[in-house]
């Protein structure tokens, strides 16, 4: 599972929409639109370290959980 897939899975497990996550990221000081966030989940846009930390706070997960490498790597 790739980072983009883990981000989407954790967000869905938290019961949040992309729009809700985007609004919370903006409160955290991340300048992202819902479209930009959707591109992160689709693997079309890179996520910054700042965005990743904020996302982890919002989703109540550790960065290690989102960044873990696939066993096949």
C-alpha atoms as a PDB file:
ATOM      1  CA  UNK A   1       0.000   0.000   0.000  1.00  0.00           C
ATOM      2  CA  UNK A   2       1.363   3.404  -0.969  1.00  0.00           C
ATOM      3  CA  UNK A   3       1.313   6.614   1.079  1.00  0.00           C
ATOM      4  CA  UNK A   4      -1.631   7.958  -0.917  1.00  0.00           C
ATOM      5  CA  UNK A   5      -3.636   4.825  -0.168  1.00  0.00           C
ATOM      6  CA  UNK A   6      -2.816   4.908   3.544  1.00  0.00           C
ATOM      7  CA  UNK A   7      -3.817   8.584   3.773  1.00  0.00           C
ATOM      8  CA  UNK A   8      -7.179   7.868   2.129  1.00  0.00           C
ATOM      9  CA  UNK A   9      -7.777   4.758   4.255  1.00  0.00           C
ATOM     10  CA  UNK A  10      -7.034   6.527   7.540  1.00  0.00           C
ATOM     11  CA  UNK A  11      -9.206   9.497   6.548  1.00  0.00           C
ATOM     12  CA  UNK A  12     -12.122   7.229   5.699  1.00  0.00           C
ATOM     13  CA  UNK A  13     -11.653   5.248   8.914  1.00  0.00           C
ATOM     14  CA  UNK A  14     -11.842   8.551  10.806  1.00  0.00           C
ATOM     15  CA  UNK A  15     -15.171   9.242   9.098  1.00  0.00           C
ATOM     16  CA  UNK A  16     -13.984  12.457   7.457  1.00  0.00           C
ATOM     17  CA  UNK A  17     -14.547  13.746   3.945  1.00  0.00           C
ATOM     18  CA  UNK A  18     -11.806  15.312   1.854  1.00  0.00           C
ATOM     19  CA  UNK A  19     -13.551  18.650   2.322  1.00  0.00           C
ATOM     20  CA  UNK A  20     -13.525  18.306   6.124  1.00  0.00           C
ATOM     21  CA  UNK A  21      -9.848  17.373   6.159  1.00  0.00           C
ATOM     22  CA  UNK A  22      -9.017  20.284   3.865  1.00  0.00           C
ATOM     23  CA  UNK A  23     -10.853  22.737   6.138  1.00  0.00           C
ATOM     24  CA  UNK A  24      -8.926  21.440   9.143  1.00  0.00           C
ATOM     25  CA  UNK A  25      -5.628  21.595   7.254  1.00  0.00           C
ATOM     26  CA  UNK A  26      -6.356  25.244   6.450  1.00  0.00           C
ATOM     27  CA  UNK A  27      -6.968  25.922  10.157  1.00  0.00           C
ATOM     28  CA  UNK A  28      -3.580  24.287  10.817  1.00  0.00           C
ATOM     29  CA  UNK A  29      -2.012  26.819   8.426  1.00  0.00           C
ATOM     30  CA  UNK A  30      -1.708  24.626   5.330  1.00  0.00           C
ATOM     31  CA  UNK A  31      -2.750  26.423   2.162  1.00  0.00           C
ATOM     32  CA  UNK A  32      -4.570  23.581   0.365  1.00  0.00           C
ATOM     33  CA  UNK A  33      -7.758  23.405  -1.633  1.00  0.00           C
ATOM     34  CA  UNK A  34      -9.948  20.316  -1.681  1.00  0.00           C
ATOM     35  CA  UNK A  35      -8.762  19.733  -5.232  1.00  0.00           C
ATOM     36  CA  UNK A  36      -5.108  19.825  -4.131  1.00  0.00           C
ATOM     37  CA  UNK A  37      -5.840  17.443  -1.264  1.00  0.00           C
ATOM     38  CA  UNK A  38      -7.639  15.082  -3.656  1.00  0.00           C
ATOM     39  CA  UNK A  39      -4.514  15.103  -5.835  1.00  0.00           C
ATOM     40  CA  UNK A  40      -2.425  14.036  -2.819  1.00  0.00           C
ATOM     41  CA  UNK A  41      -4.761  11.087  -2.232  1.00  0.00           C
ATOM     42  CA  UNK A  42      -4.626  10.261  -5.957  1.00  0.00           C
ATOM     43  CA  UNK A  43      -0.824  10.360  -5.952  1.00  0.00           C
ATOM     44  CA  UNK A  44      -0.704  13.285  -8.372  1.00  0.00           C
ATOM     45  CA  UNK A  45       0.706  15.834  -5.911  1.00  0.00           C
ATOM     46  CA  UNK A  46       3.425  15.521  -3.291  1.00  0.00           C
ATOM     47  CA  UNK A  47       2.645  16.227   0.350  1.00  0.00           C
ATOM     48  CA  UNK A  48       4.955  18.561   2.259  1.00  0.00           C
ATOM     49  CA  UNK A  49       6.363  17.701   5.662  1.00  0.00           C
ATOM     50  CA  UNK A  50       4.254  20.463   7.236  1.00  0.00           C
ATOM     51  CA  UNK A  51       1.112  19.113   5.567  1.00  0.00           C
ATOM     52  CA  UNK A  52       1.956  15.575   6.664  1.00  0.00           C
ATOM     53  CA  UNK A  53       2.395  16.595  10.314  1.00  0.00           C
ATOM     54  CA  UNK A  54      -0.861  18.552  10.276  1.00  0.00           C
ATOM     55  CA  UNK A  55      -2.651  15.658   8.609  1.00  0.00           C
ATOM     56  CA  UNK A  56      -1.388  13.268  11.279  1.00  0.00           C
ATOM     57  CA  UNK A  57      -2.730  15.560  14.017  1.00  0.00           C
ATOM     58  CA  UNK A  58      -6.103  15.785  12.270  1.00  0.00           C
ATOM     59  CA  UNK A  59      -6.356  12.045  11.654  1.00  0.00           C
ATOM     60  CA  UNK A  60      -4.902  11.202  15.085  1.00  0.00           C
ATOM     61  CA  UNK A  61      -2.237   8.938  13.658  1.00  0.00           C
ATOM     62  CA  UNK A  62       1.541   8.805  13.835  1.00  0.00           C
ATOM     63  CA  UNK A  63       3.630   9.821  10.815  1.00  0.00           C
ATOM     64  CA  UNK A  64       5.263   6.394  10.995  1.00  0.00           C
ATOM     65  CA  UNK A  65       1.905   4.775  10.270  1.00  0.00           C
ATOM     66  CA  UNK A  66       1.470   6.753   7.060  1.00  0.00           C
ATOM     67  CA  UNK A  67       5.114   6.563   5.966  1.00  0.00           C
ATOM     68  CA  UNK A  68       5.871   2.894   6.597  1.00  0.00           C
ATOM     69  CA  UNK A  69       7.455   1.191   3.663  1.00  0.00           C
ATOM     70  CA  UNK A  70       5.860  -1.694   1.861  1.00  0.00           C
ATOM     71  CA  UNK A  71       7.467  -5.026   2.674  1.00  0.00           C
ATOM     72  CA  UNK A  72       8.201  -5.492  -1.022  1.00  0.00           C
ATOM     73  CA  UNK A  73      10.404  -2.356  -1.097  1.00  0.00           C
END
